[in-house]
PDB file of all heavy atoms in Angstrom:
ATOM      1  N   ARG A   1       0.858  -1.178   0.000  1.00  0.00           N
ATOM      2  CA  ARG A   1       0.000   0.000   0.000  1.00  0.00           C
ATOM      3  C   ARG A   1       0.891   1.223   0.000  1.00  0.00           C
ATOM      4  O   ARG A   1       1.638   1.463   0.957  1.00  0.00           O
ATOM      5  CB  ARG A   1      -0.891  -0.013   1.237  1.00  0.00           C
ATOM      6  CG  ARG A   1      -1.869   1.132   1.358  1.00  0.00           C
ATOM      7  CD  ARG A   1      -2.653   0.957   2.657  1.00  0.00           C
ATOM      8  NE  ARG A   1      -3.539   2.058   2.960  1.00  0.00           N
ATOM      9  CZ  ARG A   1      -4.785   2.139   2.576  1.00  0.00           C
ATOM     10  NH1 ARG A   1      -5.326   1.173   1.862  1.00  0.00           N
ATOM     11  NH2 ARG A   1      -5.536   3.180   2.904  1.00  0.00           N
ATOM     12  N   LEU A   2       0.840   1.987  -1.082  1.00  0.00           N
ATOM     13  CA  LEU A   2       1.621   3.206  -1.187  1.00  0.00           C
ATOM     14  C   LEU A   2       0.758   4.407  -0.792  1.00  0.00           C
ATOM     15  O   LEU A   2      -0.408   4.479  -1.182  1.00  0.00           O
ATOM     16  CB  LEU A   2       2.124   3.415  -2.614  1.00  0.00           C
ATOM     17  CG  LEU A   2       2.962   2.291  -3.228  1.00  0.00           C
ATOM     18  CD1 LEU A   2       3.456   2.716  -4.616  1.00  0.00           C
ATOM     19  CD2 LEU A   2       4.123   1.921  -2.347  1.00  0.00           C
ATOM     20  N   SER A   3       1.353   5.319  -0.054  1.00  0.00           N
ATOM     21  CA  SER A   3       0.671   6.554   0.331  1.00  0.00           C
ATOM     22  C   SER A   3       1.476   7.751  -0.128  1.00  0.00           C
ATOM     23  O   SER A   3       2.702   7.696  -0.191  1.00  0.00           O
ATOM     24  CB  SER A   3       0.485   6.625   1.845  1.00  0.00           C
ATOM     25  OG  SER A   3      -0.398   5.646   2.318  1.00  0.00           O
ATOM     26  N   CYS A   4       0.773   8.813  -0.437  1.00  0.00           N
ATOM     27  CA  CYS A   4       1.409  10.070  -0.816  1.00  0.00           C
ATOM     28  C   CYS A   4       0.736  11.184  -0.026  1.00  0.00           C
ATOM     29  O   CYS A   4      -0.482  11.387  -0.150  1.00  0.00           O
ATOM     30  CB  CYS A   4       1.268  10.311  -2.308  1.00  0.00           C
ATOM     31  SG  CYS A   4       1.826  11.931  -2.878  1.00  0.00           S
ATOM     32  N   ALA A   5       1.527  11.870   0.774  1.00  0.00           N
ATOM     33  CA  ALA A   5       1.026  12.992   1.557  1.00  0.00           C
ATOM     34  C   ALA A   5       1.429  14.291   0.873  1.00  0.00           C
ATOM     35  O   ALA A   5       2.615  14.509   0.613  1.00  0.00           O
ATOM     36  CB  ALA A   5       1.585  12.940   2.967  1.00  0.00           C
ATOM     37  N   ALA A   6       0.451  15.119   0.578  1.00  0.00           N
ATOM     38  CA  ALA A   6       0.704  16.367  -0.131  1.00  0.00           C
ATOM     39  C   ALA A   6       0.585  17.559   0.804  1.00  0.00           C
ATOM     40  O   ALA A   6      -0.258  17.577   1.712  1.00  0.00           O
ATOM     41  CB  ALA A   6      -0.287  16.520  -1.284  1.00  0.00           C
ATOM     42  N   SER A   7       1.433  18.540   0.568  1.00  0.00           N
ATOM     43  CA  SER A   7       1.351  19.808   1.290  1.00  0.00           C
ATOM     44  C   SER A   7       1.739  20.937   0.357  1.00  0.00           C
ATOM     45  O   SER A   7       2.448  20.716  -0.639  1.00  0.00           O
ATOM     46  CB  SER A   7       2.254  19.798   2.528  1.00  0.00           C
ATOM     47  OG  SER A   7       3.602  19.583   2.162  1.00  0.00           O
ATOM     48  N   GLY A   8       1.259  22.127   0.645  1.00  0.00           N
ATOM     49  CA  GLY A   8       1.597  23.284  -0.165  1.00  0.00           C
ATOM     50  C   GLY A   8       0.744  23.465  -1.395  1.00  0.00           C
ATOM     51  O   GLY A   8       1.030  24.351  -2.210  1.00  0.00           O
ATOM     52  N   ILE A   9      -0.277  22.635  -1.568  1.00  0.00           N
ATOM     53  CA  ILE A   9      -1.194  22.764  -2.699  1.00  0.00           C
ATOM     54  C   ILE A   9      -2.633  22.694  -2.201  1.00  0.00           C
ATOM     55  O   ILE A   9      -2.886  22.178  -1.101  1.00  0.00           O
ATOM     56  CB  ILE A   9      -0.988  21.663  -3.774  1.00  0.00           C
ATOM     57  CG1 ILE A   9      -1.187  20.259  -3.196  1.00  0.00           C
ATOM     58  CG2 ILE A   9       0.376  21.800  -4.429  1.00  0.00           C
ATOM     59  CD1 ILE A   9      -1.176  19.148  -4.237  1.00  0.00           C
ATOM     60  N   THR A  10      -3.543  23.202  -3.013  1.00  0.00           N
ATOM     61  CA  THR A  10      -4.965  23.042  -2.730  1.00  0.00           C
ATOM     62  C   THR A  10      -5.348  21.658  -3.232  1.00  0.00           C
ATOM     63  O   THR A  10      -5.763  21.481  -4.377  1.00  0.00           O
ATOM     64  CB  THR A  10      -5.783  24.133  -3.428  1.00  0.00           C
ATOM     65  OG1 THR A  10      -5.251  25.415  -3.088  1.00  0.00           O
ATOM     66  CG2 THR A  10      -7.241  24.069  -2.986  1.00  0.00           C
ATOM     67  N   PHE A  11      -5.176  20.681  -2.385  1.00  0.00           N
ATOM     68  CA  PHE A  11      -5.183  19.274  -2.786  1.00  0.00           C
ATOM     69  C   PHE A  11      -6.434  18.903  -3.580  1.00  0.00           C
ATOM     70  O   PHE A  11      -6.341  18.225  -4.601  1.00  0.00           O
ATOM     71  CB  PHE A  11      -5.079  18.403  -1.535  1.00  0.00           C
ATOM     72  CG  PHE A  11      -5.003  16.923  -1.817  1.00  0.00           C
ATOM     73  CD1 PHE A  11      -3.806  16.346  -2.214  1.00  0.00           C
ATOM     74  CD2 PHE A  11      -6.124  16.116  -1.671  1.00  0.00           C
ATOM     75  CE1 PHE A  11      -3.728  14.981  -2.472  1.00  0.00           C
ATOM     76  CE2 PHE A  11      -6.059  14.763  -1.924  1.00  0.00           C
ATOM     77  CZ  PHE A  11      -4.850  14.184  -2.323  1.00  0.00           C
ATOM     78  N   GLY A  12      -7.574  19.317  -3.131  1.00  0.00           N
ATOM     79  CA  GLY A  12      -8.828  18.910  -3.761  1.00  0.00           C
ATOM     80  C   GLY A  12      -8.984  19.373  -5.193  1.00  0.00           C
ATOM     81  O   GLY A  12      -9.809  18.831  -5.930  1.00  0.00           O
ATOM     82  N   SER A  13      -8.192  20.345  -5.621  1.00  0.00           N
ATOM     83  CA  SER A  13      -8.308  20.860  -6.981  1.00  0.00           C
ATOM     84  C   SER A  13      -7.356  20.174  -7.955  1.00  0.00           C
ATOM     85  O   SER A  13      -7.356  20.490  -9.145  1.00  0.00           O
ATOM     86  CB  SER A  13      -8.038  22.372  -7.001  1.00  0.00           C
ATOM     87  OG  SER A  13      -6.688  22.659  -6.717  1.00  0.00           O
ATOM     88  N   TYR A  14      -6.578  19.238  -7.463  1.00  0.00           N
ATOM     89  CA  TYR A  14      -5.586  18.551  -8.295  1.00  0.00           C
ATOM     90  C   TYR A  14      -6.032  17.132  -8.639  1.00  0.00           C
ATOM     91  O   TYR A  14      -6.581  16.414  -7.791  1.00  0.00           O
ATOM     92  CB  TYR A  14      -4.245  18.466  -7.575  1.00  0.00           C
ATOM     93  CG  TYR A  14      -3.437  19.731  -7.629  1.00  0.00           C
ATOM     94  CD1 TYR A  14      -3.778  20.828  -6.849  1.00  0.00           C
ATOM     95  CD2 TYR A  14      -2.335  19.837  -8.469  1.00  0.00           C
ATOM     96  CE1 TYR A  14      -3.051  21.992  -6.902  1.00  0.00           C
ATOM     97  CE2 TYR A  14      -1.584  21.010  -8.516  1.00  0.00           C
ATOM     98  CZ  TYR A  14      -1.957  22.077  -7.736  1.00  0.00           C
ATOM     99  OH  TYR A  14      -1.224  23.238  -7.792  1.00  0.00           O
ATOM    100  N   ALA A  15      -5.742  16.741  -9.877  1.00  0.00           N
ATOM    101  CA  ALA A  15      -5.758  15.324 -10.209  1.00  0.00           C
ATOM    102  C   ALA A  15      -4.489  14.721  -9.627  1.00  0.00           C
ATOM    103  O   ALA A  15      -3.413  15.311  -9.702  1.00  0.00           O
ATOM    104  CB  ALA A  15      -5.792  15.124 -11.722  1.00  0.00           C
ATOM    105  N   MET A  16      -4.636  13.537  -9.043  1.00  0.00           N
ATOM    106  CA  MET A  16      -3.488  12.869  -8.427  1.00  0.00           C
ATOM    107  C   MET A  16      -3.217  11.567  -9.171  1.00  0.00           C
ATOM    108  O   MET A  16      -4.147  10.857  -9.583  1.00  0.00           O
ATOM    109  CB  MET A  16      -3.764  12.578  -6.958  1.00  0.00           C
ATOM    110  CG  MET A  16      -4.036  13.811  -6.117  1.00  0.00           C
ATOM    111  SD  MET A  16      -2.650  14.966  -6.088  1.00  0.00           S
ATOM    112  CE  MET A  16      -1.369  13.959  -5.329  1.00  0.00           C
ATOM    113  N   GLY A  17      -1.955  11.261  -9.309  1.00  0.00           N
ATOM    114  CA  GLY A  17      -1.616  10.048 -10.037  1.00  0.00           C
ATOM    115  C   GLY A  17      -0.414   9.347  -9.449  1.00  0.00           C
ATOM    116  O   GLY A  17       0.367   9.927  -8.695  1.00  0.00           O
ATOM    117  N   TRP A  18      -0.316   8.091  -9.805  1.00  0.00           N
ATOM    118  CA  TRP A  18       0.875   7.288  -9.508  1.00  0.00           C
ATOM    119  C   TRP A  18       1.486   6.853 -10.832  1.00  0.00           C
ATOM    120  O   TRP A  18       0.785   6.353 -11.719  1.00  0.00           O
ATOM    121  CB  TRP A  18       0.519   6.057  -8.691  1.00  0.00           C
ATOM    122  CG  TRP A  18       0.198   6.353  -7.273  1.00  0.00           C
ATOM    123  CD1 TRP A  18      -1.048   6.549  -6.727  1.00  0.00           C
ATOM    124  CD2 TRP A  18       1.127   6.506  -6.190  1.00  0.00           C
ATOM    125  NE1 TRP A  18      -0.939   6.817  -5.389  1.00  0.00           N
ATOM    126  CE2 TRP A  18       0.384   6.783  -5.027  1.00  0.00           C
ATOM    127  CE3 TRP A  18       2.526   6.426  -6.089  1.00  0.00           C
ATOM    128  CZ2 TRP A  18       0.976   6.998  -3.792  1.00  0.00           C
ATOM    129  CZ3 TRP A  18       3.116   6.624  -4.861  1.00  0.00           C
ATOM    130  CH2 TRP A  18       2.342   6.912  -3.719  1.00  0.00           C
ATOM    131  N   TYR A  19       2.765   7.079 -10.962  1.00  0.00           N
ATOM    132  CA  TYR A  19       3.537   6.668 -12.118  1.00  0.00           C
ATOM    133  C   TYR A  19       4.639   5.735 -11.632  1.00  0.00           C
ATOM    134  O   TYR A  19       4.970   5.712 -10.445  1.00  0.00           O
ATOM    135  CB  TYR A  19       4.162   7.879 -12.810  1.00  0.00           C
ATOM    136  CG  TYR A  19       3.169   8.776 -13.523  1.00  0.00           C
ATOM    137  CD1 TYR A  19       2.274   9.579 -12.809  1.00  0.00           C
ATOM    138  CD2 TYR A  19       3.130   8.833 -14.914  1.00  0.00           C
ATOM    139  CE1 TYR A  19       1.369  10.400 -13.464  1.00  0.00           C
ATOM    140  CE2 TYR A  19       2.234   9.663 -15.576  1.00  0.00           C
ATOM    141  CZ  TYR A  19       1.355  10.432 -14.845  1.00  0.00           C
ATOM    142  OH  TYR A  19       0.458  11.247 -15.489  1.00  0.00           O
ATOM    143  N   ARG A  20       5.222   5.010 -12.574  1.00  0.00           N
ATOM    144  CA  ARG A  20       6.356   4.165 -12.209  1.00  0.00           C
ATOM    145  C   ARG A  20       7.382   4.167 -13.318  1.00  0.00           C
ATOM    146  O   ARG A  20       7.073   4.390 -14.481  1.00  0.00           O
ATOM    147  CB  ARG A  20       5.905   2.741 -11.893  1.00  0.00           C
ATOM    148  CG  ARG A  20       5.365   1.962 -13.084  1.00  0.00           C
ATOM    149  CD  ARG A  20       4.785   0.621 -12.615  1.00  0.00           C
ATOM    150  NE  ARG A  20       4.262  -0.167 -13.727  1.00  0.00           N
ATOM    151  CZ  ARG A  20       3.574  -1.300 -13.576  1.00  0.00           C
ATOM    152  NH1 ARG A  20       3.324  -1.775 -12.344  1.00  0.00           N
ATOM    153  NH2 ARG A  20       3.138  -1.960 -14.635  1.00  0.00           N
ATOM    154  N   GLN A  21       8.612   3.906 -12.913  1.00  0.00           N
ATOM    155  CA  GLN A  21       9.715   3.831 -13.869  1.00  0.00           C
ATOM    156  C   GLN A  21      10.619   2.672 -13.494  1.00  0.00           C
ATOM    157  O   GLN A  21      11.218   2.673 -12.409  1.00  0.00           O
ATOM    158  CB  GLN A  21      10.495   5.134 -13.912  1.00  0.00           C
ATOM    159  CG  GLN A  21      11.532   5.193 -15.015  1.00  0.00           C
ATOM    160  CD  GLN A  21      12.060   6.593 -15.244  1.00  0.00           C
ATOM    161  OE1 GLN A  21      11.949   7.467 -14.396  1.00  0.00           O
ATOM    162  NE2 GLN A  21      12.632   6.816 -16.413  1.00  0.00           N
ATOM    163  N   ALA A  22      10.689   1.715 -14.391  1.00  0.00           N
ATOM    164  CA  ALA A  22      11.585   0.579 -14.213  1.00  0.00           C
ATOM    165  C   ALA A  22      12.920   0.895 -14.868  1.00  0.00           C
ATOM    166  O   ALA A  22      12.998   1.744 -15.765  1.00  0.00           O
ATOM    167  CB  ALA A  22      10.960  -0.665 -14.825  1.00  0.00           C
ATOM    168  N   PRO A  23      13.987   0.219 -14.447  1.00  0.00           N
ATOM    169  CA  PRO A  23      15.306   0.484 -15.032  1.00  0.00           C
ATOM    170  C   PRO A  23      15.286   0.324 -16.553  1.00  0.00           C
ATOM    171  O   PRO A  23      14.779  -0.670 -17.080  1.00  0.00           O
ATOM    172  CB  PRO A  23      16.191  -0.569 -14.378  1.00  0.00           C
ATOM    173  CG  PRO A  23      15.533  -0.864 -13.087  1.00  0.00           C
ATOM    174  CD  PRO A  23      14.057  -0.759 -13.352  1.00  0.00           C
ATOM    175  N   GLY A  24      15.800   1.321 -17.239  1.00  0.00           N
ATOM    176  CA  GLY A  24      15.885   1.268 -18.686  1.00  0.00           C
ATOM    177  C   GLY A  24      14.596   1.545 -19.420  1.00  0.00           C
ATOM    178  O   GLY A  24      14.542   1.431 -20.650  1.00  0.00           O
ATOM    179  N   LYS A  25      13.561   1.886 -18.672  1.00  0.00           N
ATOM    180  CA  LYS A  25      12.261   2.143 -19.298  1.00  0.00           C
ATOM    181  C   LYS A  25      11.798   3.564 -19.002  1.00  0.00           C
ATOM    182  O   LYS A  25      12.279   4.207 -18.077  1.00  0.00           O
ATOM    183  CB  LYS A  25      11.224   1.140 -18.811  1.00  0.00           C
ATOM    184  CG  LYS A  25      11.503  -0.299 -19.222  1.00  0.00           C
ATOM    185  CD  LYS A  25      10.351  -1.206 -18.864  1.00  0.00           C
ATOM    186  CE  LYS A  25      10.590  -2.622 -19.347  1.00  0.00           C
ATOM    187  NZ  LYS A  25       9.456  -3.518 -19.026  1.00  0.00           N
ATOM    188  N   GLU A  26      10.828   4.018 -19.784  1.00  0.00           N
ATOM    189  CA  GLU A  26      10.266   5.349 -19.560  1.00  0.00           C
ATOM    190  C   GLU A  26       9.268   5.307 -18.406  1.00  0.00           C
ATOM    191  O   GLU A  26       8.698   4.259 -18.082  1.00  0.00           O
ATOM    192  CB  GLU A  26       9.572   5.834 -20.828  1.00  0.00           C
ATOM    193  CG  GLU A  26      10.518   6.095 -21.995  1.00  0.00           C
ATOM    194  CD  GLU A  26       9.818   6.733 -23.184  1.00  0.00           C
ATOM    195  OE1 GLU A  26       8.586   6.845 -23.168  1.00  0.00           O
ATOM    196  OE2 GLU A  26      10.514   7.112 -24.138  1.00  0.00           O
ATOM    197  N   ARG A  27       9.076   6.465 -17.811  1.00  0.00           N
ATOM    198  CA  ARG A  27       8.073   6.587 -16.767  1.00  0.00           C
ATOM    199  C   ARG A  27       6.693   6.405 -17.382  1.00  0.00           C
ATOM    200  O   ARG A  27       6.401   6.947 -18.448  1.00  0.00           O
ATOM    201  CB  ARG A  27       8.172   7.951 -16.077  1.00  0.00           C
ATOM    202  CG  ARG A  27       7.365   8.077 -14.820  1.00  0.00           C
ATOM    203  CD  ARG A  27       7.668   9.389 -14.102  1.00  0.00           C
ATOM    204  NE  ARG A  27       9.060   9.478 -13.663  1.00  0.00           N
ATOM    205  CZ  ARG A  27       9.514  10.442 -12.880  1.00  0.00           C
ATOM    206  NH1 ARG A  27       8.682  11.386 -12.429  1.00  0.00           N
ATOM    207  NH2 ARG A  27      10.778  10.478 -12.528  1.00  0.00           N
ATOM    208  N   GLU A  28       5.850   5.629 -16.707  1.00  0.00           N
ATOM    209  CA  GLU A  28       4.523   5.353 -17.239  1.00  0.00           C
ATOM    210  C   GLU A  28       3.453   5.577 -16.179  1.00  0.00           C
ATOM    211  O   GLU A  28       3.706   5.413 -14.975  1.00  0.00           O
ATOM    212  CB  GLU A  28       4.435   3.904 -17.747  1.00  0.00           C
ATOM    213  CG  GLU A  28       4.614   2.848 -16.675  1.00  0.00           C
ATOM    214  CD  GLU A  28       4.407   1.436 -17.190  1.00  0.00           C
ATOM    215  OE1 GLU A  28       4.095   1.245 -18.371  1.00  0.00           O
ATOM    216  OE2 GLU A  28       4.546   0.501 -16.358  1.00  0.00           O
ATOM    217  N   LEU A  29       2.268   5.935 -16.658  1.00  0.00           N
ATOM    218  CA  LEU A  29       1.137   6.110 -15.757  1.00  0.00           C
ATOM    219  C   LEU A  29       0.670   4.754 -15.241  1.00  0.00           C
ATOM    220  O   LEU A  29       0.503   3.812 -16.012  1.00  0.00           O
ATOM    221  CB  LEU A  29      -0.013   6.802 -16.484  1.00  0.00           C
ATOM    222  CG  LEU A  29      -1.318   6.926 -15.698  1.00  0.00           C
ATOM    223  CD1 LEU A  29      -1.163   7.894 -14.548  1.00  0.00           C
ATOM    224  CD2 LEU A  29      -2.444   7.386 -16.622  1.00  0.00           C
ATOM    225  N   VAL A  30       0.454   4.664 -13.935  1.00  0.00           N
ATOM    226  CA  VAL A  30      -0.103   3.465 -13.325  1.00  0.00           C
ATOM    227  C   VAL A  30      -1.595   3.668 -13.048  1.00  0.00           C
ATOM    228  O   VAL A  30      -2.435   2.868 -13.445  1.00  0.00           O
ATOM    229  CB  VAL A  30       0.627   3.131 -12.013  1.00  0.00           C
ATOM    230  CG1 VAL A  30      -0.030   1.947 -11.317  1.00  0.00           C
ATOM    231  CG2 VAL A  30       2.105   2.872 -12.274  1.00  0.00           C
ATOM    232  N   ALA A  31      -1.915   4.758 -12.358  1.00  0.00           N
ATOM    233  CA  ALA A  31      -3.303   5.040 -11.997  1.00  0.00           C
ATOM    234  C   ALA A  31      -3.447   6.529 -11.730  1.00  0.00           C
ATOM    235  O   ALA A  31      -2.497   7.186 -11.317  1.00  0.00           O
ATOM    236  CB  ALA A  31      -3.725   4.243 -10.762  1.00  0.00           C
ATOM    237  N   ARG A  32      -4.654   7.004 -11.964  1.00  0.00           N
ATOM    238  CA  ARG A  32      -4.915   8.423 -11.811  1.00  0.00           C
ATOM    239  C   ARG A  32      -6.318   8.595 -11.247  1.00  0.00           C
ATOM    240  O   ARG A  32      -7.232   7.831 -11.574  1.00  0.00           O
ATOM    241  CB  ARG A  32      -4.791   9.113 -13.167  1.00  0.00           C
ATOM    242  CG  ARG A  32      -5.016  10.613 -13.174  1.00  0.00           C
ATOM    243  CD  ARG A  32      -4.891  11.139 -14.593  1.00  0.00           C
ATOM    244  NE  ARG A  32      -5.122  12.571 -14.697  1.00  0.00           N
ATOM    245  CZ  ARG A  32      -6.328  13.118 -14.844  1.00  0.00           C
ATOM    246  NH1 ARG A  32      -7.405  12.353 -14.906  1.00  0.00           N
ATOM    247  NH2 ARG A  32      -6.443  14.436 -14.940  1.00  0.00           N
ATOM    248  N   ILE A  33      -6.474   9.616 -10.395  1.00  0.00           N
ATOM    249  CA  ILE A  33      -7.790   9.940  -9.862  1.00  0.00           C
ATOM    250  C   ILE A  33      -7.992  11.432 -10.006  1.00  0.00           C
ATOM    251  O   ILE A  33      -7.142  12.231  -9.591  1.00  0.00           O
ATOM    252  CB  ILE A  33      -7.944   9.447  -8.399  1.00  0.00           C
ATOM    253  CG1 ILE A  33      -9.367   9.704  -7.902  1.00  0.00           C
ATOM    254  CG2 ILE A  33      -6.906  10.056  -7.474  1.00  0.00           C
ATOM    255  CD1 ILE A  33      -9.679   8.953  -6.595  1.00  0.00           C
ATOM    256  N   SER A  34      -9.097  11.812 -10.600  1.00  0.00           N
ATOM    257  CA  SER A  34      -9.360  13.225 -10.855  1.00  0.00           C
ATOM    258  C   SER A  34      -9.791  13.929  -9.567  1.00  0.00           C
ATOM    259  O   SER A  34     -10.062  13.286  -8.541  1.00  0.00           O
ATOM    260  CB  SER A  34     -10.447  13.366 -11.916  1.00  0.00           C
ATOM    261  OG  SER A  34     -11.707  12.998 -11.368  1.00  0.00           O
ATOM    262  N   SER A  35      -9.897  15.234  -9.665  1.00  0.00           N
ATOM    263  CA  SER A  35     -10.369  15.994  -8.507  1.00  0.00           C
ATOM    264  C   SER A  35     -11.797  15.598  -8.143  1.00  0.00           C
ATOM    265  O   SER A  35     -12.198  15.697  -6.977  1.00  0.00           O
ATOM    266  CB  SER A  35     -10.289  17.499  -8.787  1.00  0.00           C
ATOM    267  OG  SER A  35     -11.034  17.829  -9.946  1.00  0.00           O
ATOM    268  N   GLY A  36     -12.537  15.103  -9.105  1.00  0.00           N
ATOM    269  CA  GLY A  36     -13.912  14.681  -8.856  1.00  0.00           C
ATOM    270  C   GLY A  36     -14.049  13.223  -8.454  1.00  0.00           C
ATOM    271  O   GLY A  36     -15.156  12.760  -8.160  1.00  0.00           O
ATOM    272  N   GLY A  37     -12.916  12.492  -8.462  1.00  0.00           N
ATOM    273  CA  GLY A  37     -12.938  11.107  -8.014  1.00  0.00           C
ATOM    274  C   GLY A  37     -12.976  10.067  -9.119  1.00  0.00           C
ATOM    275  O   GLY A  37     -12.979   8.869  -8.834  1.00  0.00           O
ATOM    276  N   SER A  38     -12.975  10.500 -10.373  1.00  0.00           N
ATOM    277  CA  SER A  38     -12.929   9.530 -11.479  1.00  0.00           C
ATOM    278  C   SER A  38     -11.544   8.908 -11.551  1.00  0.00           C
ATOM    279  O   SER A  38     -10.546   9.584 -11.354  1.00  0.00           O
ATOM    280  CB  SER A  38     -13.266  10.216 -12.804  1.00  0.00           C
ATOM    281  OG  SER A  38     -14.557  10.762 -12.768  1.00  0.00           O
ATOM    282  N   THR A  39     -11.507   7.626 -11.869  1.00  0.00           N
ATOM    283  CA  THR A  39     -10.232   6.911 -11.891  1.00  0.00           C
ATOM    284  C   THR A  39      -9.958   6.300 -13.262  1.00  0.00           C
ATOM    285  O   THR A  39     -10.889   5.986 -14.020  1.00  0.00           O
ATOM    286  CB  THR A  39     -10.209   5.786 -10.853  1.00  0.00           C
ATOM    287  OG1 THR A  39     -11.280   4.875 -11.115  1.00  0.00           O
ATOM    288  CG2 THR A  39     -10.361   6.335  -9.445  1.00  0.00           C
ATOM    289  N   ASN A  40      -8.681   6.163 -13.566  1.00  0.00           N
ATOM    290  CA  ASN A  40      -8.285   5.360 -14.716  1.00  0.00           C
ATOM    291  C   ASN A  40      -6.969   4.657 -14.398  1.00  0.00           C
ATOM    292  O   ASN A  40      -6.189   5.128 -13.564  1.00  0.00           O
ATOM    293  CB  ASN A  40      -8.211   6.174 -16.012  1.00  0.00           C
ATOM    294  CG  ASN A  40      -7.214   7.293 -15.949  1.00  0.00           C
ATOM    295  OD1 ASN A  40      -7.446   8.319 -15.337  1.00  0.00           O
ATOM    296  ND2 ASN A  40      -6.067   7.091 -16.601  1.00  0.00           N
ATOM    297  N   TYR A  41      -6.784   3.512 -15.047  1.00  0.00           N
ATOM    298  CA  TYR A  41      -5.667   2.619 -14.744  1.00  0.00           C
ATOM    299  C   TYR A  41      -4.974   2.163 -16.016  1.00  0.00           C
ATOM    300  O   TYR A  41      -5.610   2.022 -17.072  1.00  0.00           O
ATOM    301  CB  TYR A  41      -6.167   1.374 -14.004  1.00  0.00           C
ATOM    302  CG  TYR A  41      -6.806   1.646 -12.664  1.00  0.00           C
ATOM    303  CD1 TYR A  41      -8.164   1.909 -12.551  1.00  0.00           C
ATOM    304  CD2 TYR A  41      -6.033   1.662 -11.494  1.00  0.00           C
ATOM    305  CE1 TYR A  41      -8.748   2.181 -11.321  1.00  0.00           C
ATOM    306  CE2 TYR A  41      -6.604   1.915 -10.261  1.00  0.00           C
ATOM    307  CZ  TYR A  41      -7.959   2.169 -10.184  1.00  0.00           C
ATOM    308  OH  TYR A  41      -8.522   2.435  -8.957  1.00  0.00           O
ATOM    309  N   ALA A  42      -3.699   1.884 -15.885  1.00  0.00           N
ATOM    310  CA  ALA A  42      -2.994   1.205 -16.957  1.00  0.00           C
ATOM    311  C   ALA A  42      -3.586  -0.188 -17.110  1.00  0.00           C
ATOM    312  O   ALA A  42      -3.983  -0.822 -16.119  1.00  0.00           O
ATOM    313  CB  ALA A  42      -1.509   1.119 -16.637  1.00  0.00           C
TER     314      ALA A  42
END
């Protein structure tokens, strides 16, 4: 279970996402949640 604690932003107005980067590969989107709660996944 990964957690991300944000500070210094108006959190509710941001889309939040998790990305990952494996060695030798480009960073890719894993999952995203909009400010309204909509989600999308790789």
